[in-house]
Structure formats: C-alpha cells, structure tokens
C-alpha cells in the first residue's frame, strides 16, 4: 500500500511555482519585445529571446524586475518628477542588476545570432553543376 501511495505521489503533476516566476503575460511581452528588437519573429529569435527571459527571471525576482523596468523607463522623464527616478540609489542598483542580467543572458542565449552562425559544424562544400557537352552539329 505504501508503495502505491509513493508511486502515485511521484507521478502526480508538480504544481509548485517558484517565488520569482514571472506571469505568462509578462514573459510573452518580453519575448515579443526582444524578437522585435532583433529582426522579427523567427524561430531563432523565439528560442534566443525565450532563453533571455528565463535567464533574467532566474537572476531577479519578479518584483525586482518590475521595479527595475519602471525605474529604467521613467528616469528619462524630464524635470523634477524624472529626478525621483534618476536619483534613487535603489533604482540605480536595480537597473544595474537588470542590465547585467540581460547582458549575460544575451551572450549565453545567442541573441541576434542565427543557427548558421552559431553552428560549429562547417557547411558542406558546394557541388558544381554537371557539365553538359554542347550539341554536335551535323
């Protein structure tokens, strides 16, 4: 009986979620934004940009990510209101962490590099077309 319960427990789908797991909508938004910035919606960009989002999610909690993107987006606001975002020590620290995570992710996820450029296997040599002799005049 104990073995059956243990087997059922091991086979049950896992429903635990990491604390820093980003909501699906935010992941999709980040992937699409990344793809747009790197040449459009291609399969290579989909894989690379999904990898970037996963790497950033592993480096920052979702709350820190939201706060960092808010500071990064609003620090360019002119005047005193923008100064609140430009002069915040916490904001600078979070933006720096986010940008470092994005840079590491871009390098490790091959963002902007197509399959042919990252493949270590050389492409086969081109085969010349067959030589057809000219027709003989009679």
C-alpha atoms as a PDB file:
ATOM      1  CA  UNK A   1       0.000   0.000   0.000  1.00  0.00           C
ATOM      2  CA  UNK A   2       2.785   2.418   0.905  1.00  0.00           C
ATOM      3  CA  UNK A   3       4.487   1.738  -2.428  1.00  0.00           C
ATOM      4  CA  UNK A   4       1.291   2.565  -4.326  1.00  0.00           C
ATOM      5  CA  UNK A   5       0.895   5.848  -2.448  1.00  0.00           C
ATOM      6  CA  UNK A   6       4.555   6.716  -3.034  1.00  0.00           C
ATOM      7  CA  UNK A   7       4.295   5.881  -6.735  1.00  0.00           C
ATOM      8  CA  UNK A   8       1.131   7.964  -7.092  1.00  0.00           C
ATOM      9  CA  UNK A   9       2.769  10.881  -5.308  1.00  0.00           C
ATOM     10  CA  UNK A  10       5.851  10.691  -7.556  1.00  0.00           C
ATOM     11  CA  UNK A  11       3.719  10.554 -10.698  1.00  0.00           C
ATOM     12  CA  UNK A  12       1.442  13.439  -9.703  1.00  0.00           C
ATOM     13  CA  UNK A  13       1.962  16.623 -11.693  1.00  0.00           C
ATOM     14  CA  UNK A  14       4.010  19.235  -9.898  1.00  0.00           C
ATOM     15  CA  UNK A  15       2.123  22.416  -9.207  1.00  0.00           C
ATOM     16  CA  UNK A  16       4.640  24.281  -7.098  1.00  0.00           C
ATOM     17  CA  UNK A  17       5.782  27.557  -8.596  1.00  0.00           C
ATOM     18  CA  UNK A  18       8.993  29.374  -7.851  1.00  0.00           C
ATOM     19  CA  UNK A  19       8.617  32.633  -5.979  1.00  0.00           C
ATOM     20  CA  UNK A  20      10.245  34.610  -8.792  1.00  0.00           C
ATOM     21  CA  UNK A  21       8.238  33.012 -11.586  1.00  0.00           C
ATOM     22  CA  UNK A  22       7.105  35.701 -13.986  1.00  0.00           C
ATOM     23  CA  UNK A  23       3.459  35.764 -15.120  1.00  0.00           C
ATOM     24  CA  UNK A  24       2.902  34.329 -18.590  1.00  0.00           C
ATOM     25  CA  UNK A  25       1.706  37.648 -19.996  1.00  0.00           C
ATOM     26  CA  UNK A  26       4.917  39.382 -18.918  1.00  0.00           C
ATOM     27  CA  UNK A  27       7.079  36.574 -20.311  1.00  0.00           C
ATOM     28  CA  UNK A  28       5.295  36.739 -23.668  1.00  0.00           C
ATOM     29  CA  UNK A  29       5.576  40.538 -23.737  1.00  0.00           C
ATOM     30  CA  UNK A  30       9.316  40.375 -23.037  1.00  0.00           C
ATOM     31  CA  UNK A  31       9.882  37.681 -25.679  1.00  0.00           C
ATOM     32  CA  UNK A  32       7.944  39.612 -28.339  1.00  0.00           C
ATOM     33  CA  UNK A  33       9.751  42.852 -27.474  1.00  0.00           C
ATOM     34  CA  UNK A  34      13.106  41.071 -27.692  1.00  0.00           C
ATOM     35  CA  UNK A  35      12.179  39.484 -31.026  1.00  0.00           C
ATOM     36  CA  UNK A  36      11.093  42.832 -32.456  1.00  0.00           C
ATOM     37  CA  UNK A  37      14.427  44.344 -31.466  1.00  0.00           C
ATOM     38  CA  UNK A  38      16.406  41.561 -33.145  1.00  0.00           C
ATOM     39  CA  UNK A  39      14.888  41.285 -36.585  1.00  0.00           C
ATOM     40  CA  UNK A  40      11.394  39.974 -36.091  1.00  0.00           C
ATOM     41  CA  UNK A  41       9.521  36.809 -35.343  1.00  0.00           C
ATOM     42  CA  UNK A  42      11.783  33.977 -36.426  1.00  0.00           C
ATOM     43  CA  UNK A  43      12.309  30.606 -34.821  1.00  0.00           C
ATOM     44  CA  UNK A  44      15.901  31.507 -33.923  1.00  0.00           C
ATOM     45  CA  UNK A  45      14.737  34.699 -32.203  1.00  0.00           C
ATOM     46  CA  UNK A  46      11.966  32.836 -30.395  1.00  0.00           C
ATOM     47  CA  UNK A  47      14.421  30.391 -28.833  1.00  0.00           C
ATOM     48  CA  UNK A  48      17.039  33.039 -28.037  1.00  0.00           C
ATOM     49  CA  UNK A  49      14.582  35.549 -26.569  1.00  0.00           C
ATOM     50  CA  UNK A  50      12.801  32.874 -24.521  1.00  0.00           C
ATOM     51  CA  UNK A  51      16.188  31.920 -23.129  1.00  0.00           C
ATOM     52  CA  UNK A  52      16.867  35.567 -22.210  1.00  0.00           C
ATOM     53  CA  UNK A  53      13.577  35.881 -20.339  1.00  0.00           C
ATOM     54  CA  UNK A  54      14.276  32.652 -18.435  1.00  0.00           C
ATOM     55  CA  UNK A  55      17.794  33.823 -17.541  1.00  0.00           C
ATOM     56  CA  UNK A  56      16.572  37.219 -16.315  1.00  0.00           C
ATOM     57  CA  UNK A  57      13.831  35.507 -14.291  1.00  0.00           C
ATOM     58  CA  UNK A  58      16.479  33.335 -12.661  1.00  0.00           C
ATOM     59  CA  UNK A  59      18.578  36.391 -11.761  1.00  0.00           C
ATOM     60  CA  UNK A  60      15.865  38.709 -10.405  1.00  0.00           C
ATOM     61  CA  UNK A  61      12.632  38.237  -8.560  1.00  0.00           C
ATOM     62  CA  UNK A  62       9.550  39.368 -10.436  1.00  0.00           C
ATOM     63  CA  UNK A  63       9.049  42.282  -8.030  1.00  0.00           C
ATOM     64  CA  UNK A  64      12.642  43.474  -8.540  1.00  0.00           C
ATOM     65  CA  UNK A  65      12.223  43.103 -12.311  1.00  0.00           C
ATOM     66  CA  UNK A  66       9.068  45.240 -12.322  1.00  0.00           C
ATOM     67  CA  UNK A  67      10.696  47.865 -10.129  1.00  0.00           C
ATOM     68  CA  UNK A  68      13.876  47.936 -12.250  1.00  0.00           C
ATOM     69  CA  UNK A  69      11.985  48.278 -15.536  1.00  0.00           C
ATOM     70  CA  UNK A  70       9.878  51.047 -14.004  1.00  0.00           C
ATOM     71  CA  UNK A  71      12.967  52.972 -12.906  1.00  0.00           C
ATOM     72  CA  UNK A  72      14.650  52.404 -16.279  1.00  0.00           C
ATOM     73  CA  UNK A  73      11.599  53.540 -18.206  1.00  0.00           C
ATOM     74  CA  UNK A  74      10.797  56.614 -16.125  1.00  0.00           C
ATOM     75  CA  UNK A  75      14.279  58.004 -15.489  1.00  0.00           C
ATOM     76  CA  UNK A  76      14.167  59.747 -18.867  1.00  0.00           C
ATOM     77  CA  UNK A  77      11.123  61.745 -17.776  1.00  0.00           C
ATOM     78  CA  UNK A  78      12.108  65.429 -17.776  1.00  0.00           C
ATOM     79  CA  UNK A  79      12.084  67.678 -14.764  1.00  0.00           C
ATOM     80  CA  UNK A  80      11.693  67.074 -11.082  1.00  0.00           C
ATOM     81  CA  UNK A  81       9.437  64.047 -11.495  1.00  0.00           C
ATOM     82  CA  UNK A  82      12.059  62.254 -13.568  1.00  0.00           C
ATOM     83  CA  UNK A  83      14.655  63.197 -10.980  1.00  0.00           C
ATOM     84  CA  UNK A  84      12.909  60.962  -8.471  1.00  0.00           C
ATOM     85  CA  UNK A  85      13.742  58.008 -10.721  1.00  0.00           C
ATOM     86  CA  UNK A  86      17.208  59.213 -11.792  1.00  0.00           C
ATOM     87  CA  UNK A  87      18.471  59.993  -8.287  1.00  0.00           C
ATOM     88  CA  UNK A  88      17.231  56.892  -6.471  1.00  0.00           C
ATOM     89  CA  UNK A  89      20.090  54.732  -5.184  1.00  0.00           C
ATOM     90  CA  UNK A  90      17.809  51.695  -5.071  1.00  0.00           C
ATOM     91  CA  UNK A  91      16.647  52.403  -8.612  1.00  0.00           C
ATOM     92  CA  UNK A  92      20.213  52.642  -9.936  1.00  0.00           C
ATOM     93  CA  UNK A  93      21.128  49.391  -8.183  1.00  0.00           C
ATOM     94  CA  UNK A  94      18.109  47.532  -9.559  1.00  0.00           C
ATOM     95  CA  UNK A  95      18.603  48.859 -13.091  1.00  0.00           C
ATOM     96  CA  UNK A  96      22.268  47.845 -12.944  1.00  0.00           C
ATOM     97  CA  UNK A  97      21.317  44.320 -11.800  1.00  0.00           C
ATOM     98  CA  UNK A  98      18.725  44.067 -14.579  1.00  0.00           C
ATOM     99  CA  UNK A  99      21.115  45.285 -17.274  1.00  0.00           C
ATOM    100  CA  UNK A 100      23.872  42.934 -16.108  1.00  0.00           C
ATOM    101  CA  UNK A 101      21.428  40.016 -16.151  1.00  0.00           C
ATOM    102  CA  UNK A 102      20.248  40.993 -19.644  1.00  0.00           C
ATOM    103  CA  UNK A 103      23.835  41.268 -20.932  1.00  0.00           C
ATOM    104  CA  UNK A 104      24.805  37.861 -19.506  1.00  0.00           C
ATOM    105  CA  UNK A 105      21.632  36.347 -20.930  1.00  0.00           C
ATOM    106  CA  UNK A 106      22.177  37.871 -24.375  1.00  0.00           C
ATOM    107  CA  UNK A 107      25.690  36.394 -24.522  1.00  0.00           C
ATOM    108  CA  UNK A 108      24.700  32.946 -23.295  1.00  0.00           C
ATOM    109  CA  UNK A 109      21.478  32.749 -25.315  1.00  0.00           C
ATOM    110  CA  UNK A 110      22.986  33.756 -28.680  1.00  0.00           C
ATOM    111  CA  UNK A 111      20.585  36.662 -29.199  1.00  0.00           C
ATOM    112  CA  UNK A 112      20.864  38.028 -32.722  1.00  0.00           C
ATOM    113  CA  UNK A 113      22.833  35.032 -33.967  1.00  0.00           C
ATOM    114  CA  UNK A 114      21.154  32.713 -36.441  1.00  0.00           C
ATOM    115  CA  UNK A 115      21.667  28.969 -36.399  1.00  0.00           C
ATOM    116  CA  UNK A 116      24.156  29.028 -39.251  1.00  0.00           C
ATOM    117  CA  UNK A 117      26.379  31.490 -37.356  1.00  0.00           C
ATOM    118  CA  UNK A 118      26.423  29.589 -34.072  1.00  0.00           C
ATOM    119  CA  UNK A 119      26.753  26.091 -35.502  1.00  0.00           C
ATOM    120  CA  UNK A 120      30.260  24.666 -35.040  1.00  0.00           C
ATOM    121  CA  UNK A 121      29.706  22.285 -37.962  1.00  0.00           C
ATOM    122  CA  UNK A 122      31.001  23.569 -41.291  1.00  0.00           C
ATOM    123  CA  UNK A 123      28.570  23.575 -44.170  1.00  0.00           C
ATOM    124  CA  UNK A 124      29.237  21.018 -46.907  1.00  0.00           C
ATOM    125  CA  UNK A 125      31.111  22.246 -49.967  1.00  0.00           C
ATOM    126  CA  UNK A 126      29.002  23.328 -52.904  1.00  0.00           C
ATOM    127  CA  UNK A 127      28.673  20.706 -55.614  1.00  0.00           C
ATOM    128  CA  UNK A 128      29.259  22.135 -59.086  1.00  0.00           C
ATOM    129  CA  UNK A 129      26.519  21.538 -61.642  1.00  0.00           C
ATOM    130  CA  UNK A 130      27.124  18.681 -64.092  1.00  0.00           C
ATOM    131  CA  UNK A 131      28.921  19.605 -67.298  1.00  0.00           C
ATOM    132  CA  UNK A 132      26.726  19.055 -70.343  1.00  0.00           C
ATOM    133  CA  UNK A 133      28.594  18.843 -73.659  1.00  0.00           C
ATOM    134  CA  UNK A 134      27.368  21.188 -76.384  1.00  0.00           C
ATOM    135  CA  UNK A 135      25.182  19.652 -79.090  1.00  0.00           C
ATOM    136  CA  UNK A 136      27.073  18.310 -82.122  1.00  0.00           C
ATOM    137  CA  UNK A 137      26.164  19.987 -85.429  1.00  0.00           C
ATOM    138  CA  UNK A 138      25.511  17.675 -88.429  1.00  0.00           C
END
